[in-house]
Amino acid sequence: MNLALFDLDHTLLPLDSDQSWGEFTLSLGWVDPATFKAKNDGFYADYQAGCLDIHDYVRFSTAAVRQQGHAAANAAHAQFMAQVIRPALLPAALALVDEHRRRGDTLVMVTATNEFVTRPIAQAFGMEVLLAVELERDADGLFTGEIQGVPTLREGKVTRVEQWLASQGLTLADVHATFYSDSMNDLPLLDKVQTPVVTNGSPALRQIAMERGWRILDLFENT
């Protein structure tokens, strides 16, 4: 199997979908503007610094969805896709995914953003598999604010990819895996795959890529 693994935020999208969803709920009046943006930006800074407490963040980031209920949240997400995400589906990123699709590679999105935000985005890219932060549900199928299973963050991305491969009767040694990512948080998985590609990378990750001879790709440099 040839496996094409893609991070999402700032890799295939020139934005952070989780942060953008939070700002979208702010525009809908679902959250308190006096406190939400500061907390949202603070969590994003923690993510960039590699010290995000993802459990605290998921409780925070799903609060509005849990308060509004599934019907309202799903309707808002459709609006979010139309207004924020689809304009950000840029030709270079779509072409990269299509190139792997034409080769017959298995397409997998591996993102630290939760499944509610990312599932429609993965579908828009035509991904066959989504490995995202899975949200715990109660007996009525409603989100509890907790994470189910291993979150897809840092070493958790390696674990979730290995778990998914095991469900197919495979290991990383049985496949040729290419992984595209911009983030230092993804260094554990970049280290594991046969073909790491630093994509729209941070300065620190670019430096590592140059030292190790990894490919560096800039999808959005002309946008």
Protein backbone atom coordinates (compact mmCIF):
# COMPACT_ATOMS: atom_id res chain seq x y z
CA MET A 1 0.00 0.00 0.00
CA ASN A 2 1.15 3.52 -0.81
CA LEU A 3 -0.17 5.82 1.90
CA ALA A 4 -0.51 9.60 1.50
CA LEU A 5 -0.95 11.20 4.93
CA PHE A 6 -1.95 14.85 5.17
CA ASP A 7 -2.08 17.23 8.07
CA LEU A 8 -4.84 19.79 7.52
CA ASP A 9 -4.36 23.21 9.09
CA HIS A 10 -1.70 25.34 7.36
CA THR A 11 -0.78 22.26 5.33
CA LEU A 12 -3.74 21.76 3.00
CA LEU A 13 -5.57 24.86 4.23
CA PRO A 14 -3.98 28.31 4.56
CA LEU A 15 -5.75 28.71 7.90
CA ASP A 16 -6.44 26.87 11.14
CA SER A 17 -9.88 25.27 10.83
CA ASP A 18 -10.36 24.87 14.58
CA GLN A 19 -9.50 28.47 15.35
CA SER A 20 -11.57 29.65 12.38
CA TRP A 21 -14.58 27.64 13.56
CA GLY A 22 -14.25 29.30 16.95
CA GLU A 23 -14.20 32.72 15.34
CA PHE A 24 -17.22 31.73 13.26
CA THR A 25 -19.22 30.80 16.36
CA LEU A 26 -18.21 34.19 17.77
CA SER A 27 -19.67 35.88 14.67
CA LEU A 28 -22.91 33.93 15.22
CA GLY A 29 -23.19 35.26 18.76
CA TRP A 30 -22.86 31.80 20.28
CA VAL A 31 -20.04 32.76 22.63
CA ASP A 32 -19.10 35.67 24.86
CA PRO A 33 -16.91 38.02 22.82
CA ALA A 34 -15.30 39.46 25.95
CA THR A 35 -13.62 36.20 26.87
CA PHE A 36 -13.79 33.78 23.94
CA LYS A 37 -11.29 35.29 21.52
CA ALA A 38 -8.59 35.69 24.16
CA LYS A 39 -8.98 32.06 25.26
CA ASN A 40 -9.15 30.80 21.67
CA ASP A 41 -6.01 32.71 20.70
CA GLY A 42 -4.28 31.50 23.86
CA PHE A 43 -4.97 27.86 23.06
CA TYR A 44 -3.72 28.41 19.50
CA ALA A 45 -0.49 29.93 20.84
CA ASP A 46 -0.07 26.89 23.09
CA TYR A 47 -0.52 24.62 20.07
CA GLN A 48 2.12 26.50 18.12
CA ALA A 49 4.46 26.29 21.11
CA GLY A 50 3.87 22.53 21.44
CA CYS A 51 2.33 22.72 24.91
CA LEU A 52 -1.41 22.53 24.21
CA ASP A 53 -3.54 20.67 26.77
CA ILE A 54 -5.82 19.15 24.18
CA HIS A 55 -8.37 17.88 26.71
CA ASP A 56 -8.91 21.39 28.09
CA TYR A 57 -9.04 22.75 24.57
CA VAL A 58 -11.66 20.27 23.36
CA ARG A 59 -13.88 21.04 26.34
CA PHE A 60 -13.57 24.73 25.47
CA SER A 61 -13.91 24.41 21.70
CA THR A 62 -16.97 22.13 21.77
CA ALA A 63 -18.88 24.10 24.41
CA ALA A 64 -20.88 26.14 21.90
CA VAL A 65 -21.78 23.07 19.83
CA ARG A 66 -22.93 21.24 22.95
CA GLN A 67 -25.03 24.21 24.05
CA GLN A 68 -26.64 24.75 20.64
CA GLY A 69 -27.36 21.09 19.88
CA HIS A 70 -26.60 19.00 16.81
CA ALA A 71 -29.20 20.44 14.43
CA ALA A 72 -28.12 24.04 14.91
CA ALA A 73 -24.44 23.09 14.97
CA ASN A 74 -24.68 21.11 11.73
CA ALA A 75 -26.52 23.95 10.01
CA ALA A 76 -23.88 26.40 11.19
CA HIS A 77 -21.11 24.12 9.99
CA ALA A 78 -22.63 24.00 6.50
CA GLN A 79 -22.55 27.80 6.52
CA PHE A 80 -18.96 27.71 7.79
CA MET A 81 -17.98 25.40 4.93
CA ALA A 82 -19.56 27.72 2.35
CA GLN A 83 -18.22 30.98 3.74
CA VAL A 84 -14.83 30.07 5.23
CA ILE A 85 -13.56 26.68 4.08
CA ARG A 86 -14.52 26.34 0.43
CA PRO A 87 -12.87 29.67 -0.52
CA ALA A 88 -9.74 28.33 1.21
CA LEU A 89 -9.63 25.11 -0.86
CA LEU A 90 -6.83 26.41 -3.05
CA PRO A 91 -5.82 24.84 -6.38
CA ALA A 92 -2.31 23.84 -5.30
CA ALA A 93 -3.59 21.82 -2.33
CA LEU A 94 -6.36 20.18 -4.35
CA ALA A 95 -3.87 19.32 -7.09
CA LEU A 96 -1.49 17.71 -4.58
CA VAL A 97 -4.25 15.47 -3.23
CA ASP A 98 -5.43 14.67 -6.77
CA GLU A 99 -1.89 13.68 -7.76
CA HIS A 100 -1.83 11.02 -5.05
CA ARG A 101 -5.36 9.94 -5.94
CA ARG A 102 -4.35 9.39 -9.58
CA ARG A 103 -1.43 7.26 -8.42
CA GLY A 104 -3.86 5.03 -6.54
CA ASP A 105 -2.50 5.98 -3.12
CA THR A 106 -4.70 5.63 -0.04
CA LEU A 107 -5.55 9.15 1.16
CA VAL A 108 -5.59 9.77 4.92
CA MET A 109 -6.15 13.07 6.71
CA VAL A 110 -4.43 13.10 10.12
CA THR A 111 -5.37 16.19 12.08
CA ALA A 112 -5.34 17.40 15.67
CA THR A 113 -8.63 19.20 15.04
CA ASN A 114 -11.77 17.40 16.17
CA GLU A 115 -13.97 15.24 13.98
CA PHE A 116 -16.97 17.60 14.06
CA VAL A 117 -15.00 20.43 12.46
CA THR A 118 -12.95 18.31 10.08
CA ARG A 119 -15.18 15.54 8.70
CA PRO A 120 -16.88 17.76 6.08
CA ILE A 121 -13.47 19.24 5.20
CA ALA A 122 -11.97 15.79 4.70
CA GLN A 123 -14.92 14.94 2.46
CA ALA A 124 -14.35 18.13 0.45
CA PHE A 125 -10.78 16.99 -0.21
CA GLY A 126 -12.00 13.49 -1.10
CA MET A 127 -10.07 11.82 1.71
CA GLU A 128 -10.72 8.12 2.13
CA VAL A 129 -9.83 8.07 5.84
CA LEU A 130 -10.07 10.74 8.55
CA LEU A 131 -7.99 10.37 11.70
CA ALA A 132 -9.04 13.29 13.89
CA VAL A 133 -9.71 13.92 17.57
CA GLU A 134 -12.70 11.68 18.26
CA LEU A 135 -15.37 13.17 20.50
CA GLU A 136 -16.99 11.16 23.28
CA ARG A 137 -20.78 10.86 23.08
CA ASP A 138 -23.30 10.18 25.81
CA ALA A 139 -26.13 7.64 25.69
CA ASP A 140 -28.15 10.03 23.51
CA GLY A 141 -25.31 10.48 21.03
CA LEU A 142 -24.49 14.01 22.22
CA PHE A 143 -20.95 15.29 22.66
CA THR A 144 -19.79 15.33 26.28
CA GLY A 145 -16.78 17.61 25.81
CA GLU A 146 -14.35 14.76 26.43
CA ILE A 147 -12.07 12.94 23.99
CA GLN A 148 -12.61 9.33 23.03
CA GLY A 149 -9.46 7.29 22.56
CA VAL A 150 -6.04 8.67 21.71
CA PRO A 151 -6.04 12.28 20.49
CA THR A 152 -4.27 12.86 17.18
CA LEU A 153 -1.69 15.27 18.59
CA ARG A 154 2.11 14.88 18.54
CA GLU A 155 2.95 11.20 19.31
CA GLY A 156 -0.79 10.49 19.24
CA LYS A 157 -0.74 10.84 15.46
CA VAL A 158 1.73 7.98 15.24
CA THR A 159 -0.43 5.87 17.55
CA ARG A 160 -3.62 6.55 15.60
CA VAL A 161 -1.99 5.81 12.23
CA GLU A 162 -0.58 2.56 13.64
CA GLN A 163 -3.99 1.65 15.09
CA TRP A 164 -5.70 2.29 11.77
CA LEU A 165 -3.10 0.26 9.89
CA ALA A 166 -3.50 -2.57 12.41
CA SER A 167 -7.24 -2.58 11.64
CA GLN A 168 -6.22 -3.25 8.02
CA GLY A 169 -3.85 -6.02 9.09
CA LEU A 170 -0.80 -3.83 8.36
CA THR A 171 2.05 -1.98 10.05
CA LEU A 172 4.04 1.07 8.96
CA ALA A 173 6.72 -1.36 7.77
CA ASP A 174 4.22 -2.87 5.32
CA VAL A 175 3.44 0.39 3.50
CA HIS A 176 5.22 3.27 1.86
CA ALA A 177 3.96 6.34 3.70
CA THR A 178 4.33 9.97 2.68
CA PHE A 179 3.33 12.60 5.24
CA TYR A 180 2.78 16.29 4.55
CA SER A 181 2.86 18.69 7.52
CA ASP A 182 3.75 22.25 8.48
CA SER A 183 4.09 21.79 12.22
CA MET A 184 6.77 20.88 14.76
CA ASN A 185 3.97 19.08 16.62
CA ASP A 186 4.05 16.52 13.81
CA LEU A 187 7.74 15.72 14.06
CA PRO A 188 7.05 12.28 15.64
CA LEU A 189 5.08 11.14 12.59
CA LEU A 190 7.40 12.85 10.12
CA ASP A 191 10.21 10.83 11.71
CA LYS A 192 8.29 7.56 11.25
CA VAL A 193 7.32 7.71 7.58
CA GLN A 194 9.49 6.84 4.60
CA THR A 195 8.83 10.16 2.84
CA PRO A 196 8.38 13.19 5.09
CA VAL A 197 7.45 16.41 3.29
CA VAL A 198 7.60 19.67 5.23
CA THR A 199 4.76 21.67 3.71
CA ASN A 200 4.39 25.42 4.32
CA GLY A 201 6.63 24.66 7.28
CA SER A 202 7.44 26.74 10.32
CA PRO A 203 11.03 28.11 10.44
CA ALA A 204 12.04 25.52 13.05
CA LEU A 205 10.66 22.63 11.01
CA ARG A 206 12.26 23.96 7.81
CA GLN A 207 15.61 23.95 9.56
CA ILE A 208 15.16 20.32 10.58
CA ALA A 209 14.10 19.45 7.03
CA MET A 210 17.25 21.06 5.60
CA GLU A 211 19.45 19.27 8.11
CA ARG A 212 17.87 15.89 7.34
CA GLY A 213 17.47 16.32 3.60
CA TRP A 214 13.69 16.21 3.68
CA ARG A 215 11.65 17.68 0.85
CA ILE A 216 10.26 21.17 1.49
CA LEU A 217 7.05 22.15 -0.30
CA ASP A 218 5.33 25.56 -0.32
CA LEU A 219 1.78 25.29 -1.60
CA PHE A 220 0.62 28.80 -0.90
CA GLU A 221 3.65 30.96 -1.67
CA ASN A 222 1.91 32.62 -4.65
CA THR A 223 -1.42 33.23 -2.92
